[in-house]
Amino acid sequence: MSASAVVEVLIGLSFVYVLLSVICSALNEAIAGVLALRQGTLRRGVEAMLGDAGLADRLFAHPLVQSLCHGTGRRKSPAYIPAELFAAALQDVLAEWTPAAGSRITSVNQALTALLAGVQAGEDAILKQRKTIGDWFDAAMSSVGGAYKRRAHLIVAVLAVVVTATTNADSLAIARSLWTQPLLRSAIAQTASEWSKQNPPTSGLPSAPVDAWKNANQKLANAFAEVSALNLPLGWQHSPGPGEIPGKVFGLLFTMIAVSLGAPFWFDLLNKLVNLRAASSPPTPGKQPAKNPA
């Protein structure tokens, strides 16, 4: 078996993993949308940052922040606040804020004092203070974002187990089919190549809750359709026999671990394998490489 065949088998496996990872990612987005996980994480992060729940409530009630809200109930809260907008809203709130007795917002009181002094000093000072607040917000949200990503990764890992078991995505069976069926292997490698060109990575910025729910459903529909079109041994046609159980367990476990690595990992690897296949492909029959003029 040639090296190009090995590359095509790896492309096929990577393509299956990236599609299953997209399914898990879309399910995670749907869960986050229903439970308002992004909004709740952002609010808790802001409360911890400001040190006072009352001040955080005033901030989230500010018209600038409310303009980012969608949905109803607990979902009627922003999932993302630009630093510049947060700083402008906090300046407005602090200008009229009187902390309650025993409040832990000493640092915010100091910021309020500086803000009022800046108002007297003119517009340039206000803009500088706004940038300082924005930098403070970005630093605080970086930690909050890290915590959210860790929780999201845990959810994706659990979903990887469910999706792999439901679809019977046995890595050993898939690799065997790709290895023994050259036409199928080549067709899937070509499909993966075209798919990788048409599906660039997303920016990673959270969408509005309404858009997130819609996008998650669309991603799920597309990914399931693409997986079904591969004609690979997926799904539970029959139960494994006693002698097949160890291999089945290993194949499913391998897929679960692979899918839990996430779509970005497999998308990057898929692109590298596709480029390697393109670079190692023989020239088209009938075409000779151009010669340098004498």
Protein backbone atom coordinates (compact mmCIF):
# COMPACT_ATOMS: atom_id res chain seq x y z
CA MET A 1 0.00 0.00 0.00
CA SER A 2 1.46 3.37 -1.04
CA ALA A 3 2.16 6.31 1.24
CA SER A 4 -0.61 8.29 -0.50
CA ALA A 5 -3.10 5.60 0.54
CA VAL A 6 -1.98 5.93 4.16
CA VAL A 7 -2.44 9.71 3.94
CA GLU A 8 -5.94 9.22 2.51
CA VAL A 9 -6.87 6.87 5.36
CA LEU A 10 -5.68 9.51 7.85
CA ILE A 11 -7.67 12.17 5.98
CA GLY A 12 -10.78 10.01 6.16
CA LEU A 13 -10.42 9.42 9.88
CA SER A 14 -9.66 13.09 10.55
CA PHE A 15 -12.70 14.10 8.49
CA VAL A 16 -14.96 11.82 10.55
CA TYR A 17 -13.48 13.20 13.77
CA VAL A 18 -13.92 16.81 12.71
CA LEU A 19 -17.54 16.24 11.69
CA LEU A 20 -18.35 14.47 14.96
CA SER A 21 -16.54 17.27 16.82
CA VAL A 22 -18.69 19.83 15.00
CA ILE A 23 -21.79 17.92 16.12
CA CYS A 24 -20.56 17.99 19.73
CA SER A 25 -19.72 21.68 19.45
CA ALA A 26 -23.16 22.48 18.04
CA LEU A 27 -24.85 20.50 20.82
CA ASN A 28 -22.74 22.39 23.35
CA GLU A 29 -23.84 25.70 21.80
CA ALA A 30 -27.46 24.61 21.97
CA ILE A 31 -27.12 23.62 25.64
CA ALA A 32 -25.37 26.91 26.41
CA GLY A 33 -28.17 28.78 24.65
CA VAL A 34 -30.97 26.99 26.50
CA LEU A 35 -29.31 27.32 29.91
CA ALA A 36 -27.89 30.80 29.22
CA LEU A 37 -24.44 29.61 30.29
CA ARG A 38 -22.53 32.42 28.59
CA GLN A 39 -24.78 35.08 30.06
CA GLY A 40 -24.59 33.63 33.54
CA THR A 41 -20.81 33.29 33.36
CA LEU A 42 -20.45 36.89 32.20
CA ARG A 43 -22.70 38.26 34.96
CA ARG A 44 -20.91 36.31 37.68
CA GLY A 45 -17.58 37.50 36.32
CA VAL A 46 -18.68 41.14 36.37
CA GLU A 47 -20.07 40.79 39.90
CA ALA A 48 -16.76 39.34 41.07
CA MET A 49 -14.88 42.07 39.26
CA LEU A 50 -16.90 44.93 40.76
CA GLY A 51 -17.26 43.29 44.19
CA ASP A 52 -20.91 44.33 44.55
CA ALA A 53 -24.00 42.63 43.12
CA GLY A 54 -26.03 45.86 43.34
CA LEU A 55 -23.52 47.75 41.23
CA ALA A 56 -23.47 44.90 38.73
CA ASP A 57 -27.29 45.04 38.52
CA ARG A 58 -27.13 48.76 37.80
CA LEU A 59 -24.52 48.17 35.13
CA PHE A 60 -26.55 45.46 33.38
CA ALA A 61 -29.62 47.72 33.50
CA HIS A 62 -27.73 50.49 31.69
CA PRO A 63 -29.19 51.20 28.21
CA LEU A 64 -25.85 50.54 26.50
CA VAL A 65 -25.69 47.05 27.99
CA GLN A 66 -29.41 46.44 27.49
CA SER A 67 -28.95 47.14 23.78
CA LEU A 68 -26.96 43.89 23.60
CA CYS A 69 -29.68 41.78 25.23
CA HIS A 70 -31.88 39.32 23.39
CA GLY A 71 -34.54 36.81 24.36
CA THR A 72 -36.57 36.71 27.56
CA GLY A 73 -36.09 35.64 31.16
CA ARG A 74 -32.59 34.62 32.12
CA ARG A 75 -31.56 34.72 28.47
CA LYS A 76 -32.39 38.46 28.34
CA SER A 77 -28.83 39.31 29.25
CA PRO A 78 -25.75 39.89 27.08
CA ALA A 79 -23.41 37.01 26.32
CA TYR A 80 -20.62 39.41 25.39
CA ILE A 81 -19.86 43.07 26.18
CA PRO A 82 -17.22 45.02 24.24
CA ALA A 83 -14.67 46.60 26.58
CA GLU A 84 -15.33 50.12 25.26
CA LEU A 85 -19.07 49.82 25.85
CA PHE A 86 -18.53 48.35 29.33
CA ALA A 87 -16.24 51.23 30.26
CA ALA A 88 -18.70 53.87 29.05
CA ALA A 89 -21.59 52.23 30.91
CA LEU A 90 -19.57 51.87 34.12
CA GLN A 91 -18.55 55.52 33.98
CA ASP A 92 -22.21 56.54 33.80
CA VAL A 93 -23.22 54.21 36.64
CA LEU A 94 -20.34 55.23 38.91
CA ALA A 95 -21.19 58.90 38.50
CA GLU A 96 -24.44 58.28 40.42
CA TRP A 97 -23.45 55.29 42.55
CA THR A 98 -23.36 55.31 46.34
CA PRO A 99 -22.00 52.04 47.75
CA ALA A 100 -23.93 50.37 50.56
CA ALA A 101 -22.44 50.12 54.04
CA GLY A 102 -19.92 47.30 54.26
CA SER A 103 -19.55 47.07 50.48
CA ARG A 104 -16.35 45.47 49.19
CA ILE A 105 -15.91 47.88 46.30
CA THR A 106 -13.07 49.99 47.70
CA SER A 107 -11.27 49.86 44.35
CA VAL A 108 -14.42 51.02 42.57
CA ASN A 109 -14.76 53.91 45.03
CA GLN A 110 -11.25 54.92 44.10
CA ALA A 111 -12.16 54.65 40.44
CA LEU A 112 -15.19 56.87 41.08
CA THR A 113 -13.00 59.51 42.72
CA ALA A 114 -10.65 59.44 39.75
CA LEU A 115 -13.60 59.62 37.39
CA LEU A 116 -15.07 62.71 39.00
CA ALA A 117 -11.65 64.35 38.95
CA GLY A 118 -11.42 63.45 35.28
CA VAL A 119 -14.74 65.09 34.55
CA GLN A 120 -13.31 68.34 35.84
CA ALA A 121 -10.12 67.79 33.85
CA GLY A 122 -11.82 67.48 30.49
CA GLU A 123 -12.60 65.03 27.73
CA ASP A 124 -9.06 63.66 27.26
CA ALA A 125 -8.91 62.47 30.88
CA ILE A 126 -12.31 60.80 30.55
CA LEU A 127 -11.16 58.92 27.46
CA LYS A 128 -7.98 57.81 29.22
CA GLN A 129 -10.00 56.59 32.19
CA ARG A 130 -12.34 54.79 29.82
CA LYS A 131 -9.38 52.98 28.28
CA THR A 132 -8.08 52.05 31.74
CA ILE A 133 -11.48 50.62 32.70
CA GLY A 134 -11.63 48.76 29.37
CA ASP A 135 -8.19 47.21 29.98
CA TRP A 136 -9.28 46.23 33.49
CA PHE A 137 -12.40 44.60 32.07
CA ASP A 138 -10.44 42.71 29.39
CA ALA A 139 -8.03 41.35 32.00
CA ALA A 140 -10.86 40.21 34.26
CA MET A 141 -12.82 38.64 31.40
CA SER A 142 -9.74 36.77 30.19
CA SER A 143 -9.82 34.77 33.43
CA VAL A 144 -13.60 34.33 33.18
CA GLY A 145 -13.29 33.19 29.57
CA GLY A 146 -10.70 30.60 30.56
CA ALA A 147 -13.03 29.15 33.17
CA TYR A 148 -15.90 29.04 30.66
CA LYS A 149 -13.73 27.25 28.07
CA ARG A 150 -12.70 24.64 30.62
CA ARG A 151 -16.32 23.93 31.48
CA ALA A 152 -17.28 23.87 27.80
CA HIS A 153 -14.46 21.41 27.09
CA LEU A 154 -15.78 19.13 29.84
CA ILE A 155 -19.28 19.28 28.32
CA VAL A 156 -17.86 18.51 24.86
CA ALA A 157 -15.98 15.51 26.30
CA VAL A 158 -19.23 14.14 27.73
CA LEU A 159 -21.02 14.80 24.44
CA ALA A 160 -18.19 13.00 22.60
CA VAL A 161 -19.01 9.86 24.56
CA VAL A 162 -22.74 10.16 23.78
CA VAL A 163 -22.32 10.98 20.07
CA THR A 164 -19.71 8.27 19.50
CA ALA A 165 -21.80 5.61 21.21
CA THR A 166 -24.99 6.71 19.43
CA THR A 167 -23.43 6.72 15.95
CA ASN A 168 -21.27 3.62 16.59
CA ALA A 169 -18.26 5.56 15.28
CA ASP A 170 -15.74 2.73 15.64
CA SER A 171 -12.31 4.01 14.54
CA LEU A 172 -11.07 0.48 13.78
CA ALA A 173 -14.06 -0.33 11.57
CA ILE A 174 -13.80 3.03 9.79
CA ALA A 175 -10.05 2.63 9.19
CA ARG A 176 -10.62 -0.93 7.91
CA SER A 177 -13.22 0.27 5.40
CA LEU A 178 -10.97 3.07 4.18
CA TRP A 179 -7.97 0.73 3.91
CA THR A 180 -9.76 -1.99 1.93
CA GLN A 181 -11.87 0.22 -0.37
CA PRO A 182 -9.63 2.44 -2.53
CA LEU A 183 -12.48 4.12 -4.39
CA LEU A 184 -14.29 5.01 -1.18
CA ARG A 185 -11.04 6.18 0.40
CA SER A 186 -10.20 8.43 -2.53
CA ALA A 187 -13.73 9.85 -2.73
CA ILE A 188 -13.80 10.71 0.97
CA ALA A 189 -10.34 12.30 0.77
CA GLN A 190 -11.55 14.49 -2.10
CA THR A 191 -14.73 15.40 -0.22
CA ALA A 192 -12.69 16.29 2.86
CA SER A 193 -10.41 18.48 0.75
CA GLU A 194 -13.35 20.42 -0.67
CA TRP A 195 -15.03 20.65 2.73
CA SER A 196 -11.93 22.12 4.40
CA LYS A 197 -11.79 24.87 1.77
CA GLN A 198 -15.46 25.76 2.17
CA ASN A 199 -15.54 25.71 5.99
CA PRO A 200 -12.90 28.06 7.41
CA PRO A 201 -12.56 28.25 11.21
CA THR A 202 -14.90 30.71 12.95
CA SER A 203 -13.67 33.74 14.86
CA GLY A 204 -14.65 32.19 18.20
CA LEU A 205 -16.58 35.28 19.31
CA PRO A 206 -19.94 34.43 20.88
CA SER A 207 -23.04 35.11 18.83
CA ALA A 208 -26.22 36.69 20.10
CA PRO A 209 -28.37 34.07 21.89
CA VAL A 210 -30.96 33.95 19.08
CA ASP A 211 -28.24 33.55 16.45
CA ALA A 212 -26.39 30.97 18.55
CA TRP A 213 -29.48 28.75 18.74
CA LYS A 214 -30.12 29.09 15.01
CA ASN A 215 -26.46 28.49 14.14
CA ALA A 216 -26.28 25.41 16.39
CA ASN A 217 -29.29 23.83 14.69
CA GLN A 218 -27.86 24.57 11.24
CA LYS A 219 -24.47 23.13 12.15
CA LEU A 220 -26.11 19.98 13.51
CA ALA A 221 -28.19 19.45 10.38
CA ASN A 222 -25.22 20.01 8.07
CA ALA A 223 -22.81 17.80 10.04
CA PHE A 224 -25.27 14.89 10.33
CA ALA A 225 -25.98 15.09 6.59
CA GLU A 226 -22.27 15.11 5.77
CA VAL A 227 -21.55 12.15 8.06
CA SER A 228 -24.41 10.14 6.54
CA ALA A 229 -23.15 10.84 3.02
CA LEU A 230 -19.75 9.25 3.70
CA ASN A 231 -21.08 5.67 3.35
CA LEU A 232 -18.88 4.48 6.20
CA PRO A 233 -19.78 1.74 8.71
CA LEU A 234 -21.63 4.00 11.14
CA GLY A 235 -24.75 3.17 13.11
CA TRP A 236 -25.81 -0.01 14.89
CA GLN A 237 -26.86 -2.54 12.26
CA HIS A 238 -26.13 -5.49 14.58
CA SER A 239 -24.66 -6.20 17.99
CA PRO A 240 -21.00 -7.30 18.09
CA GLY A 241 -20.27 -10.93 18.76
CA PRO A 242 -18.26 -12.06 21.83
CA GLY A 243 -15.01 -12.07 19.88
CA GLU A 244 -15.67 -8.58 18.45
CA ILE A 245 -16.33 -6.84 21.75
CA PRO A 246 -12.69 -6.00 22.70
CA GLY A 247 -12.03 -4.45 19.27
CA LYS A 248 -15.36 -2.61 19.36
CA VAL A 249 -14.64 -1.17 22.81
CA PHE A 250 -11.16 -0.04 21.73
CA GLY A 251 -12.47 1.49 18.49
CA LEU A 252 -15.23 3.43 20.24
CA LEU A 253 -12.96 4.54 23.07
CA PHE A 254 -10.37 5.81 20.59
CA THR A 255 -13.05 7.83 18.78
CA MET A 256 -14.36 9.28 22.04
CA ILE A 257 -10.91 10.50 23.01
CA ALA A 258 -10.24 11.84 19.51
CA VAL A 259 -13.53 13.75 19.27
CA SER A 260 -13.06 15.22 22.76
CA LEU A 261 -9.97 17.05 21.43
CA GLY A 262 -12.35 19.40 19.64
CA ALA A 263 -13.10 20.56 16.12
CA PRO A 264 -10.25 23.16 15.89
CA PHE A 265 -7.62 20.46 16.51
CA TRP A 266 -8.97 18.15 13.82
CA PHE A 267 -9.68 20.96 11.39
CA ASP A 268 -6.03 22.05 11.61
CA LEU A 269 -4.76 18.46 11.20
CA LEU A 270 -7.17 17.82 8.32
CA ASN A 271 -5.85 20.87 6.46
CA LYS A 272 -2.26 19.69 6.93
CA LEU A 273 -3.09 16.21 5.63
CA VAL A 274 -5.02 17.62 2.67
CA ASN A 275 -2.05 19.82 1.76
CA LEU A 276 0.29 16.84 2.11
CA ARG A 277 -1.91 14.79 -0.22
CA ALA A 278 -2.01 17.61 -2.78
CA ALA A 279 1.76 18.02 -2.66
CA SER A 280 2.38 14.29 -3.11
CA SER A 281 -0.21 13.75 -5.87
CA PRO A 282 1.30 12.71 -9.21
CA PRO A 283 1.01 15.16 -12.15
CA THR A 284 -2.07 14.89 -14.37
CA PRO A 285 -1.53 12.37 -17.19
CA GLY A 286 -0.68 14.01 -20.52
CA LYS A 287 0.88 17.08 -18.91
CA GLN A 288 4.63 17.42 -18.74
CA PRO A 289 6.38 19.74 -16.34
CA ALA A 290 7.62 22.93 -17.95
CA LYS A 291 11.33 23.02 -18.80
CA ASN A 292 13.62 25.93 -18.20
CA PRO A 293 14.66 27.65 -21.43
CA ALA A 294 18.17 26.81 -22.56
